[in-house]
N, C-alpha and C. Protein backbone atom coordinates (compact mmCIF):
# COMPACT_ATOMS: atom_id res chain seq x y z
N MET A 1 71.21 63.45 -38.45
CA MET A 1 69.96 62.95 -39.02
C MET A 1 70.03 61.45 -39.28
N LEU A 2 71.16 61.00 -39.80
CA LEU A 2 71.31 59.57 -40.07
C LEU A 2 71.28 58.76 -38.79
N GLY A 3 71.85 59.32 -37.72
CA GLY A 3 71.83 58.64 -36.44
C GLY A 3 70.44 58.54 -35.83
N ASP A 4 69.53 59.42 -36.23
CA ASP A 4 68.15 59.34 -35.75
C ASP A 4 67.33 58.31 -36.51
N VAL A 5 67.68 58.09 -37.76
CA VAL A 5 66.87 57.21 -38.62
C VAL A 5 67.33 55.76 -38.55
N LEU A 6 68.65 55.52 -38.49
CA LEU A 6 69.16 54.16 -38.55
C LEU A 6 68.68 53.25 -37.42
N PRO A 7 68.65 53.68 -36.15
CA PRO A 7 68.15 52.77 -35.11
C PRO A 7 66.71 52.33 -35.35
N HIS A 8 65.86 53.26 -35.81
CA HIS A 8 64.47 52.90 -36.11
C HIS A 8 64.39 51.91 -37.27
N ALA A 9 65.16 52.15 -38.32
CA ALA A 9 65.13 51.25 -39.47
C ALA A 9 65.73 49.89 -39.14
N SER A 10 66.74 49.87 -38.26
CA SER A 10 67.39 48.62 -37.91
C SER A 10 66.50 47.74 -37.04
N ARG A 11 65.90 48.32 -36.02
CA ARG A 11 65.06 47.52 -35.11
C ARG A 11 63.81 47.00 -35.79
N ASN A 12 63.29 47.76 -36.74
CA ASN A 12 62.09 47.34 -37.45
C ASN A 12 62.39 46.65 -38.78
N ILE A 13 63.70 46.51 -39.09
CA ILE A 13 64.17 45.83 -40.30
C ILE A 13 63.44 46.40 -41.52
N ILE A 14 63.58 47.70 -41.72
CA ILE A 14 62.93 48.39 -42.83
C ILE A 14 63.90 48.47 -44.00
N GLU A 15 63.57 47.80 -45.08
CA GLU A 15 64.37 47.84 -46.29
C GLU A 15 63.61 48.48 -47.45
N ASN A 16 62.49 49.07 -47.14
CA ASN A 16 61.67 49.73 -48.16
C ASN A 16 61.75 51.23 -47.96
N TYR A 17 62.14 51.94 -49.02
CA TYR A 17 62.32 53.40 -48.93
C TYR A 17 61.04 54.11 -48.56
N TYR A 18 59.92 53.77 -49.17
CA TYR A 18 58.67 54.47 -48.93
C TYR A 18 58.15 54.22 -47.52
N ARG A 19 58.34 53.03 -47.02
CA ARG A 19 57.92 52.73 -45.65
C ARG A 19 58.71 53.54 -44.64
N LEU A 20 60.01 53.67 -44.85
CA LEU A 20 60.84 54.45 -43.94
C LEU A 20 60.51 55.93 -44.04
N LYS A 21 60.33 56.43 -45.24
CA LYS A 21 60.02 57.85 -45.42
C LYS A 21 58.67 58.21 -44.80
N ASN A 22 57.67 57.36 -44.99
CA ASN A 22 56.35 57.64 -44.43
C ASN A 22 56.37 57.62 -42.90
N GLY A 23 57.27 56.84 -42.32
CA GLY A 23 57.33 56.74 -40.87
C GLY A 23 58.16 57.81 -40.19
N LYS A 24 59.13 58.40 -40.89
CA LYS A 24 60.05 59.34 -40.25
C LYS A 24 60.05 60.74 -40.84
N TYR A 25 59.34 60.97 -41.95
CA TYR A 25 59.43 62.26 -42.63
C TYR A 25 58.94 63.41 -41.74
N ARG A 26 57.74 63.28 -41.19
CA ARG A 26 57.18 64.36 -40.39
C ARG A 26 58.02 64.63 -39.15
N GLU A 27 58.52 63.58 -38.54
CA GLU A 27 59.35 63.75 -37.35
C GLU A 27 60.62 64.52 -37.67
N LEU A 28 61.26 64.19 -38.78
CA LEU A 28 62.48 64.88 -39.17
C LEU A 28 62.22 66.32 -39.59
N ARG A 29 61.08 66.57 -40.20
CA ARG A 29 60.75 67.95 -40.59
C ARG A 29 60.56 68.84 -39.37
N LYS A 30 60.04 68.27 -38.28
CA LYS A 30 59.86 69.06 -37.06
C LYS A 30 61.21 69.35 -36.39
N VAL A 31 62.10 68.37 -36.42
CA VAL A 31 63.41 68.55 -35.78
C VAL A 31 64.32 69.43 -36.63
N TYR A 32 64.25 69.28 -37.96
CA TYR A 32 65.11 70.04 -38.87
C TYR A 32 64.23 70.80 -39.86
N PRO A 33 63.59 71.88 -39.42
CA PRO A 33 62.65 72.60 -40.31
C PRO A 33 63.33 73.37 -41.43
N ASN A 34 64.62 73.70 -41.26
CA ASN A 34 65.31 74.52 -42.27
C ASN A 34 66.03 73.71 -43.34
N ILE A 35 66.08 72.40 -43.15
CA ILE A 35 66.75 71.54 -44.12
C ILE A 35 65.82 71.29 -45.31
N PRO A 36 66.30 71.42 -46.55
CA PRO A 36 65.45 71.09 -47.71
C PRO A 36 64.91 69.67 -47.62
N SER A 37 63.65 69.50 -47.97
CA SER A 37 63.00 68.20 -47.82
C SER A 37 63.65 67.10 -48.66
N HIS A 38 64.31 67.47 -49.75
CA HIS A 38 64.92 66.47 -50.61
C HIS A 38 66.09 65.77 -49.90
N TYR A 39 66.69 66.42 -48.90
CA TYR A 39 67.74 65.76 -48.15
C TYR A 39 67.17 64.62 -47.31
N ILE A 40 65.96 64.77 -46.83
CA ILE A 40 65.32 63.70 -46.07
C ILE A 40 65.04 62.51 -46.97
N HIS A 41 64.63 62.77 -48.21
CA HIS A 41 64.41 61.68 -49.16
C HIS A 41 65.72 60.92 -49.41
N GLY A 42 66.79 61.66 -49.62
CA GLY A 42 68.09 61.02 -49.83
C GLY A 42 68.58 60.29 -48.60
N LEU A 43 68.29 60.85 -47.42
CA LEU A 43 68.68 60.21 -46.17
C LEU A 43 67.99 58.86 -46.00
N CYS A 44 66.72 58.80 -46.34
CA CYS A 44 65.98 57.53 -46.24
C CYS A 44 66.53 56.51 -47.23
N GLN A 45 66.91 56.93 -48.41
CA GLN A 45 67.52 56.02 -49.37
C GLN A 45 68.85 55.48 -48.84
N ASP A 46 69.63 56.36 -48.24
CA ASP A 46 70.92 55.96 -47.67
C ASP A 46 70.73 54.95 -46.55
N ALA A 47 69.78 55.21 -45.66
CA ALA A 47 69.53 54.32 -44.52
C ALA A 47 69.06 52.95 -44.98
N VAL A 48 68.15 52.92 -45.94
CA VAL A 48 67.64 51.64 -46.44
C VAL A 48 68.76 50.83 -47.09
N GLU A 49 69.64 51.51 -47.83
CA GLU A 49 70.75 50.81 -48.47
C GLU A 49 71.71 50.25 -47.45
N ARG A 50 71.98 50.99 -46.37
CA ARG A 50 72.87 50.51 -45.32
C ARG A 50 72.28 49.31 -44.59
N ILE A 51 70.98 49.36 -44.30
CA ILE A 51 70.33 48.25 -43.61
C ILE A 51 70.35 46.99 -44.48
N SER A 52 70.04 47.14 -45.75
CA SER A 52 70.03 46.00 -46.66
C SER A 52 71.42 45.39 -46.80
N SER A 53 72.44 46.25 -46.88
CA SER A 53 73.80 45.76 -47.02
C SER A 53 74.25 45.02 -45.77
N LEU A 54 73.97 45.58 -44.59
CA LEU A 54 74.34 44.93 -43.34
C LEU A 54 73.64 43.58 -43.19
N ARG A 55 72.35 43.57 -43.46
CA ARG A 55 71.58 42.33 -43.31
C ARG A 55 72.07 41.26 -44.28
N ARG A 56 72.35 41.63 -45.52
CA ARG A 56 72.78 40.67 -46.51
C ARG A 56 74.19 40.13 -46.20
N ASN A 57 75.11 41.01 -45.82
CA ASN A 57 76.48 40.58 -45.54
C ASN A 57 76.56 39.70 -44.30
N ARG A 58 75.82 40.07 -43.26
CA ARG A 58 75.84 39.26 -42.04
C ARG A 58 75.16 37.91 -42.25
N ALA A 59 74.09 37.90 -43.04
CA ALA A 59 73.42 36.63 -43.34
C ALA A 59 74.34 35.72 -44.15
N ARG A 60 75.12 36.28 -45.06
CA ARG A 60 76.05 35.46 -45.84
C ARG A 60 77.11 34.85 -44.93
N GLN A 61 77.59 35.64 -43.97
CA GLN A 61 78.59 35.13 -43.03
C GLN A 61 78.02 34.00 -42.18
N TYR A 62 76.82 34.19 -41.66
CA TYR A 62 76.19 33.15 -40.85
C TYR A 62 75.88 31.91 -41.68
N ALA A 63 75.45 32.09 -42.92
CA ALA A 63 75.10 30.96 -43.77
C ALA A 63 76.31 30.07 -44.03
N GLU A 64 77.46 30.67 -44.23
CA GLU A 64 78.67 29.87 -44.45
C GLU A 64 79.03 29.08 -43.20
N GLU A 65 78.90 29.72 -42.03
CA GLU A 65 79.20 29.01 -40.78
C GLU A 65 78.20 27.88 -40.53
N ILE A 66 76.93 28.15 -40.76
CA ILE A 66 75.91 27.13 -40.55
C ILE A 66 76.07 25.98 -41.52
N PHE A 67 76.42 26.27 -42.76
CA PHE A 67 76.64 25.22 -43.75
C PHE A 67 77.75 24.27 -43.30
N ASP A 68 78.85 24.84 -42.81
CA ASP A 68 79.96 24.01 -42.34
C ASP A 68 79.53 23.16 -41.14
N GLU A 69 78.72 23.75 -40.25
CA GLU A 69 78.26 23.00 -39.08
C GLU A 69 77.33 21.85 -39.49
N LEU A 70 76.46 22.10 -40.46
CA LEU A 70 75.56 21.04 -40.93
C LEU A 70 76.33 19.89 -41.58
N VAL A 71 77.33 20.25 -42.39
CA VAL A 71 78.14 19.22 -43.03
C VAL A 71 78.88 18.39 -41.98
N LYS A 72 79.40 19.07 -40.98
CA LYS A 72 80.12 18.36 -39.92
C LYS A 72 79.18 17.50 -39.08
N HIS A 73 77.99 18.03 -38.78
CA HIS A 73 77.03 17.30 -37.95
C HIS A 73 76.49 16.06 -38.67
N LEU A 74 76.28 16.17 -39.97
CA LEU A 74 75.74 15.05 -40.74
C LEU A 74 76.83 14.08 -41.19
N GLY A 75 78.08 14.44 -40.96
CA GLY A 75 79.19 13.57 -41.31
C GLY A 75 79.36 13.40 -42.82
N LEU A 76 79.14 14.46 -43.56
CA LEU A 76 79.24 14.39 -45.01
C LEU A 76 80.67 14.65 -45.46
N GLY A 77 81.10 13.98 -46.51
CA GLY A 77 82.42 14.18 -47.07
C GLY A 77 82.36 14.91 -48.40
N LYS A 78 83.50 15.05 -49.03
CA LYS A 78 83.56 15.75 -50.31
C LYS A 78 82.77 15.03 -51.39
N LYS A 79 82.78 13.68 -51.33
CA LYS A 79 82.03 12.93 -52.33
C LYS A 79 80.53 13.15 -52.19
N ASP A 80 80.09 13.28 -50.93
CA ASP A 80 78.65 13.50 -50.71
C ASP A 80 78.22 14.87 -51.20
N LEU A 81 79.10 15.85 -51.11
CA LEU A 81 78.75 17.22 -51.50
C LEU A 81 78.85 17.45 -53.00
N ARG A 82 79.31 16.46 -53.74
CA ARG A 82 79.35 16.61 -55.18
C ARG A 82 77.97 16.62 -55.81
N GLY A 83 77.02 16.03 -55.11
CA GLY A 83 75.66 16.03 -55.62
C GLY A 83 75.01 17.39 -55.48
N ARG A 84 74.48 17.92 -56.56
CA ARG A 84 73.91 19.26 -56.54
C ARG A 84 72.67 19.34 -55.64
N ARG A 85 71.89 18.27 -55.61
CA ARG A 85 70.63 18.31 -54.87
C ARG A 85 70.87 18.49 -53.38
N ILE A 86 71.75 17.71 -52.80
CA ILE A 86 71.99 17.81 -51.36
C ILE A 86 72.73 19.11 -51.02
N ARG A 87 73.62 19.54 -51.92
CA ARG A 87 74.35 20.79 -51.68
C ARG A 87 73.40 21.99 -51.70
N ARG A 88 72.50 22.03 -52.68
CA ARG A 88 71.54 23.12 -52.74
C ARG A 88 70.61 23.10 -51.54
N TYR A 89 70.21 21.90 -51.12
CA TYR A 89 69.30 21.78 -49.97
C TYR A 89 69.97 22.32 -48.70
N LEU A 90 71.23 21.97 -48.49
CA LEU A 90 71.95 22.45 -47.30
C LEU A 90 72.14 23.96 -47.34
N TRP A 91 72.46 24.49 -48.53
CA TRP A 91 72.64 25.93 -48.64
C TRP A 91 71.32 26.66 -48.41
N ARG A 92 70.22 26.13 -48.91
CA ARG A 92 68.92 26.77 -48.72
C ARG A 92 68.54 26.80 -47.24
N LYS A 93 68.76 25.69 -46.54
CA LYS A 93 68.46 25.65 -45.12
C LYS A 93 69.39 26.56 -44.32
N SER A 94 70.65 26.63 -44.75
CA SER A 94 71.61 27.50 -44.06
C SER A 94 71.20 28.96 -44.19
N TRP A 95 70.76 29.37 -45.38
CA TRP A 95 70.33 30.75 -45.59
C TRP A 95 69.06 31.05 -44.80
N GLU A 96 68.14 30.11 -44.72
CA GLU A 96 66.91 30.34 -43.95
C GLU A 96 67.22 30.57 -42.48
N ILE A 97 68.09 29.75 -41.93
CA ILE A 97 68.48 29.91 -40.52
C ILE A 97 69.23 31.22 -40.32
N ALA A 98 70.11 31.55 -41.28
CA ALA A 98 70.91 32.78 -41.17
C ALA A 98 70.02 34.03 -41.21
N TRP A 99 69.03 34.06 -42.11
CA TRP A 99 68.14 35.22 -42.17
C TRP A 99 67.37 35.40 -40.86
N ASP A 100 66.89 34.29 -40.31
CA ASP A 100 66.15 34.37 -39.04
C ASP A 100 67.05 34.86 -37.91
N GLN A 101 68.30 34.41 -37.89
CA GLN A 101 69.23 34.84 -36.85
C GLN A 101 69.54 36.33 -36.97
N VAL A 102 69.76 36.80 -38.17
CA VAL A 102 70.06 38.22 -38.38
C VAL A 102 68.86 39.09 -38.00
N ASP A 103 67.68 38.71 -38.42
CA ASP A 103 66.48 39.49 -38.10
C ASP A 103 66.25 39.53 -36.60
N LEU A 104 66.52 38.43 -35.91
CA LEU A 104 66.35 38.40 -34.46
C LEU A 104 67.35 39.34 -33.77
N GLU A 105 68.59 39.32 -34.21
CA GLU A 105 69.61 40.19 -33.61
C GLU A 105 69.31 41.66 -33.89
N MET A 106 68.82 41.99 -35.06
CA MET A 106 68.52 43.37 -35.39
C MET A 106 67.30 43.87 -34.61
N SER A 107 66.29 43.04 -34.48
CA SER A 107 65.07 43.46 -33.78
C SER A 107 65.31 43.69 -32.30
N TYR A 108 66.25 42.96 -31.69
CA TYR A 108 66.56 43.11 -30.27
C TYR A 108 67.72 44.07 -30.02
N GLY A 109 68.23 44.68 -31.07
CA GLY A 109 69.31 45.65 -30.91
C GLY A 109 70.67 45.04 -30.66
N ILE A 110 70.82 43.74 -30.87
CA ILE A 110 72.12 43.10 -30.70
C ILE A 110 73.05 43.45 -31.86
N LEU A 111 72.51 43.41 -33.05
CA LEU A 111 73.26 43.78 -34.25
C LEU A 111 72.96 45.24 -34.58
N VAL A 112 73.94 46.09 -34.35
CA VAL A 112 73.77 47.54 -34.52
C VAL A 112 74.66 48.02 -35.65
N LEU A 113 74.11 48.85 -36.49
CA LEU A 113 74.86 49.40 -37.62
C LEU A 113 75.68 50.60 -37.18
N ARG A 114 76.96 50.58 -37.48
CA ARG A 114 77.85 51.69 -37.14
C ARG A 114 78.00 52.63 -38.34
N ILE A 115 78.07 53.91 -38.05
CA ILE A 115 78.21 54.93 -39.10
C ILE A 115 79.70 55.28 -39.21
N ASN A 116 80.35 54.70 -40.19
CA ASN A 116 81.78 54.97 -40.38
C ASN A 116 82.02 56.10 -41.37
N SER A 117 81.08 56.34 -42.25
CA SER A 117 81.22 57.41 -43.23
C SER A 117 79.84 58.00 -43.52
N VAL A 118 79.84 59.22 -44.00
CA VAL A 118 78.59 59.94 -44.28
C VAL A 118 78.56 60.32 -45.75
N CYS A 119 77.41 60.08 -46.37
CA CYS A 119 77.21 60.45 -47.77
C CYS A 119 76.03 61.40 -47.90
N LEU A 120 76.14 62.34 -48.81
CA LEU A 120 75.04 63.24 -49.13
C LEU A 120 74.37 62.75 -50.40
N TRP A 121 73.11 62.38 -50.30
CA TRP A 121 72.35 61.93 -51.46
C TRP A 121 71.60 63.12 -52.04
N LEU A 122 72.03 63.59 -53.20
CA LEU A 122 71.39 64.70 -53.89
C LEU A 122 70.47 64.10 -54.94
N VAL A 123 69.20 63.96 -54.57
CA VAL A 123 68.29 63.11 -55.33
C VAL A 123 67.80 63.74 -56.63
N ASP A 124 67.78 65.08 -56.74
CA ASP A 124 67.35 65.68 -58.00
C ASP A 124 67.90 67.09 -58.09
N ASP A 125 67.51 67.81 -59.15
CA ASP A 125 68.08 69.13 -59.40
C ASP A 125 67.52 70.21 -58.49
N HIS A 126 66.66 69.86 -57.53
CA HIS A 126 66.21 70.84 -56.56
C HIS A 126 67.28 71.10 -55.49
N VAL A 127 68.20 70.17 -55.29
CA VAL A 127 69.21 70.32 -54.25
C VAL A 127 70.62 70.46 -54.83
N TRP A 128 70.78 70.24 -56.12
CA TRP A 128 72.09 70.47 -56.72
C TRP A 128 71.92 70.81 -58.20
N LYS A 129 72.90 71.49 -58.76
CA LYS A 129 72.87 71.84 -60.17
C LYS A 129 74.29 72.17 -60.63
N PRO A 130 74.62 71.86 -61.87
CA PRO A 130 75.94 72.23 -62.40
C PRO A 130 76.03 73.74 -62.59
N VAL A 131 77.21 74.28 -62.36
CA VAL A 131 77.46 75.70 -62.51
C VAL A 131 78.12 75.95 -63.86
N ASN A 132 77.51 76.81 -64.64
CA ASN A 132 78.03 77.17 -65.96
C ASN A 132 78.36 75.94 -66.81
N PRO A 133 77.38 75.08 -67.04
CA PRO A 133 77.65 73.90 -67.88
C PRO A 133 77.93 74.32 -69.32
N THR A 134 78.84 73.62 -69.95
CA THR A 134 79.25 73.92 -71.32
C THR A 134 78.74 72.83 -72.25
N LYS A 135 78.09 73.24 -73.33
CA LYS A 135 77.63 72.28 -74.31
C LYS A 135 78.80 71.87 -75.20
N ILE A 136 78.98 70.57 -75.34
CA ILE A 136 80.08 70.04 -76.15
C ILE A 136 79.53 69.00 -77.12
N ARG A 137 80.32 68.71 -78.13
CA ARG A 137 79.96 67.69 -79.11
C ARG A 137 81.18 66.82 -79.37
N ILE A 138 81.09 65.54 -78.95
CA ILE A 138 82.20 64.61 -79.07
C ILE A 138 81.73 63.37 -79.81
N ASN A 139 82.43 63.02 -80.86
CA ASN A 139 82.11 61.82 -81.64
C ASN A 139 80.65 61.80 -82.11
N GLY A 140 80.13 62.96 -82.41
CA GLY A 140 78.76 63.05 -82.89
C GLY A 140 77.71 63.09 -81.80
N PHE A 141 78.11 63.05 -80.52
CA PHE A 141 77.16 63.09 -79.41
C PHE A 141 77.16 64.49 -78.79
N GLU A 142 75.98 65.04 -78.61
CA GLU A 142 75.83 66.32 -77.91
C GLU A 142 75.73 66.06 -76.41
N ASN A 143 76.49 66.80 -75.64
CA ASN A 143 76.52 66.56 -74.20
C ASN A 143 76.87 67.84 -73.48
N ILE A 144 76.96 67.76 -72.14
CA ILE A 144 77.35 68.91 -71.33
C ILE A 144 78.54 68.52 -70.47
N SER A 145 79.36 69.49 -70.16
CA SER A 145 80.52 69.30 -69.30
C SER A 145 80.54 70.41 -68.26
N PHE A 146 80.95 70.08 -67.04
CA PHE A 146 81.00 71.08 -65.97
C PHE A 146 82.09 70.70 -64.99
N THR A 147 82.66 71.70 -64.33
CA THR A 147 83.73 71.49 -63.36
C THR A 147 83.39 72.07 -62.00
N SER A 148 82.15 72.47 -61.79
CA SER A 148 81.71 72.95 -60.47
C SER A 148 80.20 72.75 -60.36
N ILE A 149 79.74 72.58 -59.12
CA ILE A 149 78.32 72.39 -58.85
C ILE A 149 77.91 73.28 -57.69
N ALA A 150 76.61 73.50 -57.57
CA ALA A 150 76.04 74.26 -56.47
C ALA A 150 75.08 73.35 -55.70
N ILE A 151 75.18 73.36 -54.37
CA ILE A 151 74.35 72.52 -53.52
C ILE A 151 73.46 73.40 -52.67
N ASN A 152 72.19 73.06 -52.62
CA ASN A 152 71.21 73.82 -51.82
C ASN A 152 71.26 73.36 -50.37
N THR A 153 71.59 74.28 -49.45
CA THR A 153 71.65 73.97 -48.03
C THR A 153 70.74 74.93 -47.27
N HIS A 154 70.72 74.76 -45.93
CA HIS A 154 69.90 75.65 -45.11
C HIS A 154 70.49 77.07 -45.07
N ARG A 155 71.71 77.24 -45.56
CA ARG A 155 72.34 78.56 -45.63
C ARG A 155 72.38 79.08 -47.06
N GLY A 156 71.66 78.47 -47.93
CA GLY A 156 71.64 78.89 -49.32
C GLY A 156 72.46 77.98 -50.20
N TRP A 157 72.72 78.45 -51.41
CA TRP A 157 73.47 77.65 -52.38
C TRP A 157 74.97 77.76 -52.11
N VAL A 158 75.63 76.60 -52.03
CA VAL A 158 77.07 76.53 -51.78
C VAL A 158 77.75 75.97 -53.04
N HIS A 159 78.78 76.64 -53.51
CA HIS A 159 79.48 76.24 -54.73
C HIS A 159 80.69 75.38 -54.38
N LEU A 160 80.86 74.29 -55.14
CA LEU A 160 81.99 73.38 -54.95
C LEU A 160 82.68 73.16 -56.29
N ASP A 161 84.01 73.25 -56.28
CA ASP A 161 84.79 72.98 -57.48
C ASP A 161 85.09 71.49 -57.56
N LEU A 162 85.09 70.96 -58.76
CA LEU A 162 85.29 69.53 -58.99
C LEU A 162 86.50 69.29 -59.87
N GLU A 163 87.09 68.13 -59.69
CA GLU A 163 88.20 67.68 -60.53
C GLU A 163 87.76 66.40 -61.25
N PRO A 164 87.26 66.50 -62.48
CA PRO A 164 86.76 65.31 -63.18
C PRO A 164 87.88 64.31 -63.44
N SER A 165 87.51 63.03 -63.39
CA SER A 165 88.46 61.97 -63.70
C SER A 165 88.48 61.71 -65.21
N LYS A 166 89.42 60.89 -65.64
CA LYS A 166 89.52 60.56 -67.07
C LYS A 166 88.30 59.77 -67.53
N GLU A 167 87.77 58.91 -66.62
CA GLU A 167 86.60 58.11 -67.00
C GLU A 167 85.40 58.98 -67.33
N PHE A 168 85.32 60.14 -66.67
CA PHE A 168 84.20 61.04 -66.92
C PHE A 168 84.18 61.49 -68.38
N TYR A 169 85.32 61.92 -68.89
CA TYR A 169 85.39 62.39 -70.27
C TYR A 169 85.27 61.23 -71.26
N LYS A 170 85.77 60.06 -70.88
CA LYS A 170 85.65 58.90 -71.77
C LYS A 170 84.19 58.52 -71.98
N LEU A 171 83.41 58.54 -70.89
CA LEU A 171 82.00 58.18 -71.00
C LEU A 171 81.20 59.26 -71.73
N LEU A 172 81.58 60.52 -71.55
CA LEU A 172 80.93 61.58 -72.31
C LEU A 172 81.15 61.38 -73.80
N ALA A 173 82.36 60.96 -74.18
CA ALA A 173 82.66 60.74 -75.59
C ALA A 173 81.89 59.55 -76.16
N ARG A 174 81.43 58.65 -75.29
CA ARG A 174 80.67 57.49 -75.74
C ARG A 174 79.16 57.74 -75.73
N GLY A 175 78.77 58.97 -75.41
CA GLY A 175 77.35 59.31 -75.46
C GLY A 175 76.61 59.21 -74.15
N PHE A 176 77.30 58.93 -73.05
CA PHE A 176 76.65 58.90 -71.74
C PHE A 176 76.40 60.32 -71.25
N LYS A 177 75.25 60.52 -70.57
CA LYS A 177 74.88 61.82 -70.04
C LYS A 177 74.65 61.75 -68.54
N PRO A 178 75.03 62.81 -67.79
CA PRO A 178 74.82 62.80 -66.35
C PRO A 178 73.33 62.74 -65.99
N ALA A 179 73.02 61.96 -64.98
CA ALA A 179 71.64 61.86 -64.50
C ALA A 179 71.33 63.05 -63.60
N SER A 180 70.09 63.10 -63.11
CA SER A 180 69.65 64.23 -62.30
C SER A 180 69.96 64.05 -60.82
N HIS A 181 70.61 62.93 -60.43
CA HIS A 181 70.93 62.72 -59.02
C HIS A 181 72.40 62.32 -58.90
N THR A 182 72.95 62.54 -57.73
CA THR A 182 74.35 62.24 -57.47
C THR A 182 74.52 61.95 -55.98
N LYS A 183 75.70 61.48 -55.62
CA LYS A 183 76.01 61.18 -54.22
C LYS A 183 77.40 61.68 -53.91
N ILE A 184 77.54 62.34 -52.76
CA ILE A 184 78.82 62.89 -52.34
C ILE A 184 79.25 62.20 -51.05
N LYS A 185 80.45 61.62 -51.08
CA LYS A 185 81.02 60.97 -49.90
C LYS A 185 82.10 61.87 -49.32
N LEU A 186 82.01 62.12 -48.02
CA LEU A 186 82.92 63.05 -47.35
C LEU A 186 84.14 62.30 -46.82
N ASP A 187 85.32 62.86 -47.06
CA ASP A 187 86.58 62.33 -46.55
C ASP A 187 87.09 63.29 -45.49
N ARG A 188 86.80 62.98 -44.23
CA ARG A 188 87.16 63.90 -43.14
C ARG A 188 88.66 64.00 -42.95
N LYS A 189 89.38 62.91 -43.18
CA LYS A 189 90.82 62.91 -42.94
C LYS A 189 91.53 63.88 -43.85
N ASN A 190 91.22 63.84 -45.14
CA ASN A 190 91.86 64.72 -46.12
C ASN A 190 91.06 65.98 -46.41
N ARG A 191 89.94 66.12 -45.70
CA ARG A 191 89.07 67.29 -45.86
C ARG A 191 88.67 67.49 -47.32
N ARG A 192 88.24 66.39 -47.93
CA ARG A 192 87.78 66.43 -49.31
C ARG A 192 86.54 65.57 -49.45
N GLY A 193 85.96 65.62 -50.61
CA GLY A 193 84.79 64.80 -50.88
C GLY A 193 84.89 64.20 -52.26
N TYR A 194 84.18 63.10 -52.46
CA TYR A 194 84.16 62.42 -53.74
C TYR A 194 82.72 62.31 -54.22
N SER A 195 82.51 62.73 -55.44
CA SER A 195 81.17 62.76 -55.99
C SER A 195 81.00 61.64 -57.01
N THR A 196 79.93 60.86 -56.86
CA THR A 196 79.62 59.77 -57.77
C THR A 196 78.44 60.17 -58.64
N TYR A 197 78.64 60.15 -59.95
CA TYR A 197 77.60 60.54 -60.88
C TYR A 197 77.14 59.35 -61.70
N PRO A 198 75.85 59.05 -61.70
CA PRO A 198 75.34 58.04 -62.63
C PRO A 198 75.28 58.63 -64.03
N LEU A 199 75.85 57.93 -64.97
CA LEU A 199 75.80 58.34 -66.37
C LEU A 199 75.00 57.30 -67.15
N GLY A 200 74.07 57.75 -67.96
CA GLY A 200 73.23 56.80 -68.69
C GLY A 200 73.07 57.20 -70.15
N ARG A 201 72.68 56.23 -70.94
CA ARG A 201 72.37 56.48 -72.35
C ARG A 201 71.38 55.41 -72.80
N ARG A 202 70.77 55.64 -73.95
CA ARG A 202 69.82 54.68 -74.50
C ARG A 202 70.43 53.95 -75.69
N SER A 203 70.21 52.65 -75.69
CA SER A 203 70.72 51.83 -76.78
C SER A 203 69.95 52.12 -78.06
N ARG A 204 70.67 52.24 -79.17
CA ARG A 204 70.02 52.52 -80.44
C ARG A 204 69.19 51.35 -80.94
N SER A 205 69.60 50.13 -80.60
CA SER A 205 68.91 48.94 -81.10
C SER A 205 67.68 48.59 -80.27
N THR A 206 67.81 48.61 -78.92
CA THR A 206 66.71 48.19 -78.05
C THR A 206 65.96 49.36 -77.44
N GLY A 207 66.61 50.53 -77.33
CA GLY A 207 65.96 51.66 -76.69
C GLY A 207 65.99 51.61 -75.19
N LEU A 208 66.64 50.58 -74.62
CA LEU A 208 66.69 50.44 -73.18
C LEU A 208 67.78 51.31 -72.60
N GLY A 209 67.57 51.77 -71.36
CA GLY A 209 68.56 52.61 -70.71
C GLY A 209 69.74 51.80 -70.20
N ILE A 210 70.93 52.32 -70.41
CA ILE A 210 72.15 51.68 -69.91
C ILE A 210 72.76 52.63 -68.89
N LEU A 211 73.01 52.12 -67.67
CA LEU A 211 73.48 52.96 -66.59
C LEU A 211 74.88 52.53 -66.17
N SER A 212 75.77 53.51 -66.06
CA SER A 212 77.12 53.24 -65.60
C SER A 212 77.40 54.12 -64.40
N LEU A 213 77.71 53.51 -63.24
CA LEU A 213 77.92 54.26 -62.01
C LEU A 213 79.41 54.23 -61.67
N LEU A 214 80.05 55.39 -61.70
CA LEU A 214 81.48 55.45 -61.46
C LEU A 214 81.79 56.61 -60.53
N MET A 215 82.93 56.51 -59.84
CA MET A 215 83.45 57.61 -59.06
C MET A 215 84.14 58.57 -60.02
N LEU A 216 83.48 59.67 -60.31
CA LEU A 216 83.91 60.48 -61.44
C LEU A 216 84.64 61.76 -61.06
N MET A 217 84.30 62.34 -59.94
CA MET A 217 84.86 63.64 -59.63
C MET A 217 85.33 63.72 -58.18
N ARG A 218 86.35 64.50 -57.97
CA ARG A 218 86.85 64.77 -56.65
C ARG A 218 86.62 66.24 -56.34
N ILE A 219 86.06 66.50 -55.16
CA ILE A 219 85.77 67.88 -54.76
C ILE A 219 87.02 68.53 -54.21
N LEU A 220 87.35 69.65 -54.76
CA LEU A 220 88.58 70.36 -54.34
C LEU A 220 88.31 71.23 -53.11
């Protein structure tokens, strides 16, 4: 599925989740009618993130090369670059040229994104849920703890055992709670997977949400 979406997103330089989903959702539903629709939503999020990362990293690489070429072409020395105004101007022009170069290579298929690893984006509790969660109370905070999850697939619910890390329990003790979405990265070599859980809490003083994203569990 990711291989079907990435070429379209790359050639059209789509970095917006809703634009990609609106353009590919119906097509993917026809090809994969038995897959839960929430996997398509997570797939589009994954593709957009990969495109944005590739475009940003390649533009940064080009900008550094262009900056050096401009400095060399203009015959500027270290004393000339001490001035913030000329340095900012050169960096701004370098980034503009780099973005145009990257967009041109992506639109013509010269710059192609390779899929080195696959992640499962479980966007809400319709596609995953904790199995037998236990209510706990640590340092005055009420929370839940679990060591296994169930994932909704085209063959039904599949149960996976997890090995929580120390950071998981430390954040639970500080009042952080698991969010409704997670991401699983597959390790084909060791035949294991790693699950990343966003943990969040609200500040007592401001009421704003604080989000901590850590690699918390290993799938056994």
